[in-house]
Protein backbone atom coordinates (compact mmCIF):
# COMPACT_ATOMS: atom_id res chain seq x y z
CA UNK A 1 -13.21 1.53 -29.40
CA UNK A 2 -14.88 2.80 -26.23
CA UNK A 3 -13.49 5.38 -23.81
CA UNK A 4 -10.58 4.47 -21.58
CA UNK A 5 -11.44 3.32 -18.06
CA UNK A 6 -9.07 4.41 -15.32
CA UNK A 7 -11.02 3.21 -12.30
CA UNK A 8 -8.97 0.05 -11.79
CA UNK A 9 -6.14 0.45 -9.30
CA UNK A 10 -3.35 -1.88 -8.27
CA UNK A 11 -4.65 -1.90 -4.71
CA UNK A 12 -8.10 -2.84 -5.95
CA UNK A 13 -6.65 -5.58 -8.14
CA UNK A 14 -4.71 -7.02 -5.20
CA UNK A 15 -7.88 -6.84 -3.12
CA UNK A 16 -9.83 -8.72 -5.81
CA UNK A 17 -7.13 -11.39 -6.03
CA UNK A 18 -7.38 -11.93 -2.27
CA UNK A 19 -11.18 -11.92 -2.16
CA UNK A 20 -13.55 -10.92 -5.01
CA UNK A 21 -16.40 -10.47 -2.52
CA UNK A 22 -14.34 -7.99 -0.52
CA UNK A 23 -13.59 -6.05 -3.70
CA UNK A 24 -17.30 -5.90 -4.53
CA UNK A 25 -18.26 -4.65 -1.08
CA UNK A 26 -15.43 -2.11 -0.88
CA UNK A 27 -14.94 -0.89 -4.44
CA UNK A 28 -18.28 -1.52 -6.16
CA UNK A 29 -20.90 -1.11 -3.45
CA UNK A 30 -18.90 1.39 -1.45
CA UNK A 31 -19.28 -0.22 1.95
CA UNK A 32 -17.84 2.22 4.52
CA UNK A 33 -14.45 1.11 5.75
CA UNK A 34 -14.48 1.11 9.53
CA UNK A 35 -11.22 1.98 11.25
CA UNK A 36 -9.43 -0.42 13.58
CA UNK A 37 -6.30 0.02 15.67
CA UNK A 38 -4.13 -2.06 13.33
CA UNK A 39 -5.48 -0.37 10.20
CA UNK A 40 -4.93 3.11 11.62
CA UNK A 41 -1.50 2.19 12.95
CA UNK A 42 -0.36 1.02 9.50
CA UNK A 43 -1.89 4.00 7.73
CA UNK A 44 -0.38 6.65 10.03
CA UNK A 45 3.04 4.95 9.87
CA UNK A 46 2.90 5.12 6.07
CA UNK A 47 1.87 8.77 6.16
CA UNK A 48 4.67 9.68 8.57
CA UNK A 49 7.23 7.73 6.52
CA UNK A 50 6.28 9.68 3.38
CA UNK A 51 6.24 13.00 5.31
CA UNK A 52 9.70 12.29 6.74
CA UNK A 53 11.22 11.50 3.34
CA UNK A 54 9.69 14.55 1.69
CA UNK A 55 10.90 16.87 4.46
CA UNK A 56 14.43 15.45 4.29
CA UNK A 57 14.52 15.61 0.48
CA UNK A 58 13.28 19.19 0.51
CA UNK A 59 16.03 20.29 2.90
CA UNK A 60 18.64 18.28 0.98
CA UNK A 61 17.70 19.90 -2.34
CA UNK A 62 17.78 23.37 -0.82
CA UNK A 63 21.26 22.65 0.45
CA UNK A 64 22.40 21.43 -2.96
CA UNK A 65 21.08 24.59 -4.62
CA UNK A 66 23.03 26.64 -2.09
CA UNK A 67 26.24 24.87 -3.15
CA UNK A 68 26.43 22.60 -0.11
CA UNK A 69 26.82 18.82 -0.03
CA UNK A 70 24.55 17.81 2.85
CA UNK A 71 23.91 14.23 3.92
CA UNK A 72 20.29 13.23 3.54
CA UNK A 73 20.07 11.89 7.09
CA UNK A 74 21.28 15.22 8.49
CA UNK A 75 18.51 17.02 6.61
CA UNK A 76 15.74 15.07 8.33
CA UNK A 77 13.63 16.41 11.20
CA UNK A 78 14.74 15.23 14.67
CA UNK A 79 13.18 12.07 16.05
CA UNK A 80 11.12 14.07 18.56
CA UNK A 81 9.53 15.93 15.65
CA UNK A 82 8.78 12.68 13.83
CA UNK A 83 7.11 11.24 16.95
CA UNK A 84 5.10 14.44 17.40
CA UNK A 85 3.95 14.23 13.78
CA UNK A 86 2.76 10.67 14.31
CA UNK A 87 0.68 11.67 17.33
CA UNK A 88 -0.69 14.73 15.55
CA UNK A 89 -2.02 12.55 12.73
CA UNK A 90 -3.24 9.92 15.19
CA UNK A 91 -5.27 12.50 17.15
CA UNK A 92 -6.74 13.89 13.94
CA UNK A 93 -7.88 10.39 12.95
CA UNK A 94 -9.30 9.81 16.45
CA UNK A 95 -11.32 13.02 16.29
CA UNK A 96 -12.68 12.03 12.89
CA UNK A 97 -13.55 8.46 13.96
CA UNK A 98 -12.95 7.22 17.52
CA UNK A 99 -11.59 3.68 17.71
CA UNK A 100 -13.73 0.96 19.29
CA UNK A 101 -12.64 -0.47 22.61
CA UNK A 102 -10.34 -3.54 22.44
CA UNK A 103 -12.42 -6.74 22.51
CA UNK A 104 -10.41 -8.25 25.39
CA UNK A 105 -7.42 -7.70 27.68
CA UNK A 106 -5.00 -9.48 25.34
CA UNK A 107 -5.84 -7.11 22.50
CA UNK A 108 -5.53 -4.11 24.80
CA UNK A 109 -2.07 -5.28 25.89
CA UNK A 110 -0.95 -5.77 22.29
CA UNK A 111 -2.12 -2.30 21.30
CA UNK A 112 -0.41 -0.73 24.31
CA UNK A 113 2.87 -2.46 23.44
CA UNK A 114 2.69 -1.23 19.85
CA UNK A 115 2.38 2.36 21.06
CA UNK A 116 5.08 1.94 23.73
CA UNK A 117 7.49 0.64 21.07
CA UNK A 118 6.68 3.53 18.75
CA UNK A 119 9.74 5.75 19.49
CA UNK A 120 12.18 2.90 18.84
CA UNK A 121 10.31 1.87 15.69
CA UNK A 122 10.27 5.40 14.30
CA UNK A 123 13.98 5.78 15.06
CA UNK A 124 14.85 2.62 13.10
CA UNK A 125 12.42 3.63 10.36
CA UNK A 126 14.17 7.01 9.97
CA UNK A 127 17.57 5.32 9.74
CA UNK A 128 16.32 2.96 7.03
CA UNK A 129 14.41 5.50 4.95
CA UNK A 130 17.28 7.97 4.85
CA UNK A 131 20.10 5.47 4.39
CA UNK A 132 19.69 5.24 0.60
CA UNK A 133 19.47 7.69 -2.26
CA UNK A 134 15.75 8.29 -2.73
CA UNK A 135 14.66 8.33 -6.37
CA UNK A 136 10.86 8.26 -5.99
CA UNK A 137 8.64 8.62 -2.93
CA UNK A 138 4.86 8.39 -2.78
CA UNK A 139 4.22 8.94 -6.50
CA UNK A 140 0.98 8.26 -8.39
CA UNK A 141 0.78 7.03 -11.96
CA UNK A 142 -1.98 6.49 -14.49
CA UNK A 143 -4.43 8.83 -12.78
CA UNK A 144 -5.53 12.44 -12.74
CA UNK A 145 -3.20 13.32 -9.87
CA UNK A 146 -0.20 11.92 -11.68
CA UNK A 147 2.87 14.04 -10.98
CA UNK A 148 5.00 12.35 -13.64
CA UNK A 149 4.57 14.21 -16.92
CA UNK A 150 3.15 11.94 -19.58
CA UNK A 151 2.64 8.93 -17.29
CA UNK A 152 0.37 6.55 -19.19
CA UNK A 153 -0.28 4.05 -16.41
CA UNK A 154 -0.31 0.34 -17.16
CA UNK A 155 -2.56 -0.63 -20.05
CA UNK A 156 -4.33 -3.90 -19.28
CA UNK A 157 -6.77 -3.91 -22.21
CA UNK A 158 -7.54 -1.49 -25.03
CA UNK A 159 -9.92 0.40 -22.70
CA UNK A 160 -8.55 -0.28 -19.22
CA UNK A 161 -5.70 1.66 -17.61
CA UNK A 162 -4.27 0.42 -14.32
CA UNK A 163 -3.27 3.18 -11.91
CA UNK A 164 -1.48 3.10 -8.57
CA UNK A 165 0.84 4.76 -6.09
CA UNK A 166 4.45 3.68 -5.57
CA UNK A 167 5.74 3.79 -1.99
CA UNK A 168 9.33 4.49 -2.96
CA UNK A 169 12.21 3.66 -5.29
CA UNK A 170 15.77 3.98 -4.02
CA UNK A 171 19.30 3.47 -5.22
CA UNK A 172 20.93 0.92 -2.92
CA UNK A 173 24.44 -0.41 -3.49
CA UNK A 174 24.30 0.67 -7.12
CA UNK A 175 20.93 -1.00 -7.77
CA UNK A 176 17.49 0.52 -8.36
CA UNK A 177 15.16 -1.01 -5.78
CA UNK A 178 11.36 -0.78 -5.80
CA UNK A 179 10.39 -0.94 -2.13
CA UNK A 180 7.07 -1.42 -0.35
CA UNK A 181 6.65 -0.34 3.28
CA UNK A 182 4.49 -2.80 5.20
CA UNK A 183 3.42 -2.86 8.82
CA UNK A 184 1.37 -6.05 9.06
CA UNK A 185 1.89 -8.61 11.80
CA UNK A 186 2.80 -11.42 9.38
CA UNK A 187 6.39 -11.80 8.23
CA UNK A 188 7.19 -11.46 4.56
CA UNK A 189 7.76 -14.75 2.76
CA UNK A 190 10.98 -14.45 0.75
CA UNK A 191 9.91 -17.39 -1.44
CA UNK A 192 6.82 -15.57 -2.74
CA UNK A 193 8.34 -12.06 -2.90
CA UNK A 194 9.60 -12.40 -6.54
CA UNK A 195 5.95 -12.93 -7.56
CA UNK A 196 4.45 -10.15 -5.43
CA UNK A 197 1.78 -8.60 -7.64
CA UNK A 198 1.97 -5.09 -6.23
CA UNK A 199 5.75 -4.76 -6.45
CA UNK A 200 6.00 -6.23 -9.94
CA UNK A 201 3.35 -3.87 -11.26
CA UNK A 202 5.07 -0.90 -9.61
CA UNK A 203 8.32 -1.91 -11.30
CA UNK A 204 6.64 -2.14 -14.72
CA UNK A 205 5.00 1.26 -14.28
CA UNK A 206 8.27 2.87 -13.21
CA UNK A 207 10.10 1.72 -16.37
CA UNK A 208 8.65 4.69 -18.23
CA UNK A 209 10.61 7.07 -16.02
CA UNK A 210 13.64 5.41 -14.44
CA UNK A 211 14.27 2.42 -16.66
CA UNK A 212 14.25 -1.20 -15.55
CA UNK A 213 14.56 -1.80 -11.82
CA UNK A 214 17.11 -4.23 -10.41
CA UNK A 215 15.39 -5.48 -7.27
CA UNK A 216 12.12 -5.70 -5.33
CA UNK A 217 12.07 -5.19 -1.59
CA UNK A 218 9.74 -5.04 1.39
CA UNK A 219 10.63 -3.13 4.53
CA UNK A 220 8.84 -4.58 7.56
CA UNK A 221 8.14 -1.55 9.77
CA UNK A 222 7.24 -3.62 12.84
CA UNK A 223 10.44 -5.67 12.80
CA UNK A 224 12.76 -3.20 11.02
CA UNK A 225 13.69 -5.89 8.52
CA UNK A 226 14.38 -5.66 4.79
CA UNK A 227 13.66 -8.54 2.45
CA UNK A 228 15.04 -8.00 -1.06
CA UNK A 229 15.10 -10.17 -4.18
CA UNK A 230 16.19 -9.58 -7.79
CA UNK A 231 13.56 -8.17 -10.14
CA UNK A 232 12.76 -10.27 -13.20
CA UNK A 233 10.90 -8.39 -15.90
CA UNK A 234 9.78 -11.66 -17.49
CA UNK A 235 7.96 -12.54 -14.26
CA UNK A 236 6.22 -9.15 -14.21
CA UNK A 237 5.09 -9.53 -17.83
CA UNK A 238 3.86 -13.04 -17.09
CA UNK A 239 1.81 -11.69 -14.17
CA UNK A 240 0.32 -9.03 -16.47
CA UNK A 241 -0.77 -11.65 -19.01
CA UNK A 242 -1.75 -14.53 -16.75
CA UNK A 243 -3.04 -12.77 -13.63
CA UNK A 244 -3.84 -9.10 -14.21
CA UNK A 245 -5.65 -9.43 -17.54
CA UNK A 246 -7.99 -12.28 -16.39
CA UNK A 247 -8.72 -10.51 -13.09
CA UNK A 248 -9.50 -7.25 -14.88
CA UNK A 249 -11.83 -9.09 -17.24
CA UNK A 250 -13.71 -10.72 -14.35
CA UNK A 251 -14.07 -7.34 -12.63
CA UNK A 252 -15.46 -5.77 -15.81
CA UNK A 253 -17.93 -8.67 -16.11
CA UNK A 254 -19.12 -8.17 -12.53
CA UNK A 255 -17.91 -11.60 -11.41
CA UNK A 256 -17.61 -11.46 -7.61
CA UNK A 257 -17.84 -14.99 -6.17
CA UNK A 258 -17.67 -15.61 -2.46
CA UNK A 259 -14.32 -17.08 -1.40
CA UNK A 260 -13.90 -19.82 1.22
CA UNK A 261 -13.10 -18.76 4.79
CA UNK A 262 -9.55 -17.38 4.68
CA UNK A 263 -8.90 -17.78 8.41
CA UNK A 264 -6.81 -14.84 9.61
CA UNK A 265 -7.52 -13.01 6.36
CA UNK A 266 -11.25 -13.03 7.04
CA UNK A 267 -10.91 -12.37 10.75
CA UNK A 268 -9.11 -9.06 10.21
CA UNK A 269 -10.99 -8.00 7.07
CA UNK A 270 -12.96 -4.76 7.24
CA UNK A 271 -15.83 -6.62 5.50
CA UNK A 272 -15.86 -9.35 8.16
CA UNK A 273 -19.38 -10.76 8.38
CA UNK A 274 -20.68 -9.30 5.13
CA UNK A 275 -19.75 -12.48 3.24
CA UNK A 276 -21.90 -14.64 5.49
CA UNK A 277 -25.32 -15.94 4.47
CA UNK A 278 -27.03 -13.02 6.16
CA UNK A 279 -25.28 -9.98 4.76
CA UNK A 280 -26.33 -6.54 6.07
CA UNK A 281 -29.45 -5.47 4.20
CA UNK A 282 -28.31 -1.86 4.45
CA UNK A 283 -25.75 -2.54 1.73
CA UNK A 284 -27.28 -1.48 -1.61
CA UNK A 285 -27.43 -4.32 -4.10
CA UNK A 286 -26.79 -7.07 -1.53
CA UNK A 287 -29.59 -9.47 -0.69
CA UNK A 288 -30.14 -11.46 2.48
CA UNK A 289 -28.27 -14.41 0.97
CA UNK A 290 -25.19 -12.28 0.41
CA UNK A 291 -25.61 -12.48 -3.35
CA UNK A 292 -25.46 -9.41 -5.52
CA UNK A 293 -28.83 -8.10 -6.59
CA UNK A 294 -29.57 -8.08 -10.27
């Protein structure tokens, strides 16, 4: 038996499922990921959401140790501090990599509206994040930075360990809910949510520490909406056998076929253009036809 491989992540697996060529360019060839307004907006919102929960939990635990019974929401930083933290992180990202100019006036208007709506969005986000008992927030599993003692990760094959990072797990109305924070422009489809690969794998990984979850949920940061469905362990195990294992095998075999044009998915992909017949020659291992060099 060969050594265990821990390089496969849930995010990478989801990326491969969406587009094998994108996975190859991003995760195998290491194509630099250029920043865009939408990508930075989502990333900074996630960072601030995790920062807010950790600050509130820290103050809440200190209060409990002092013999108090504080409410989690009252332990959180004020909204003005949350907004200031967002802009601090945004400016840091801008100094590291300035954003390109909007391609047209419509895009500029959309970006301006997103930033104008930021205070209201962060206020509703704070209310949602601190309205439940937080069990887990921003935790890694199956990797070197794992903060859960003895976390094995998800074993896909005898040699392959699947690692990842769980956004959060909360106790809501007596149920354990695995929740993903998303800030994309598309609405979540409640019909496909029970089969969401990321959430089901998070729930399986969390069984080692909190037991079986009761529900899967997505919180839409842009619309301040929660979509929640019951968690079915049988569905998660089926996804492991019928989706994860075959995808992992294709990745290990270096099988990265080009996918058909995905419409909006291709238009907003950070690898946009690299899948065309004339891929950038600067990418190591990619020929002019876009095929992977031998």
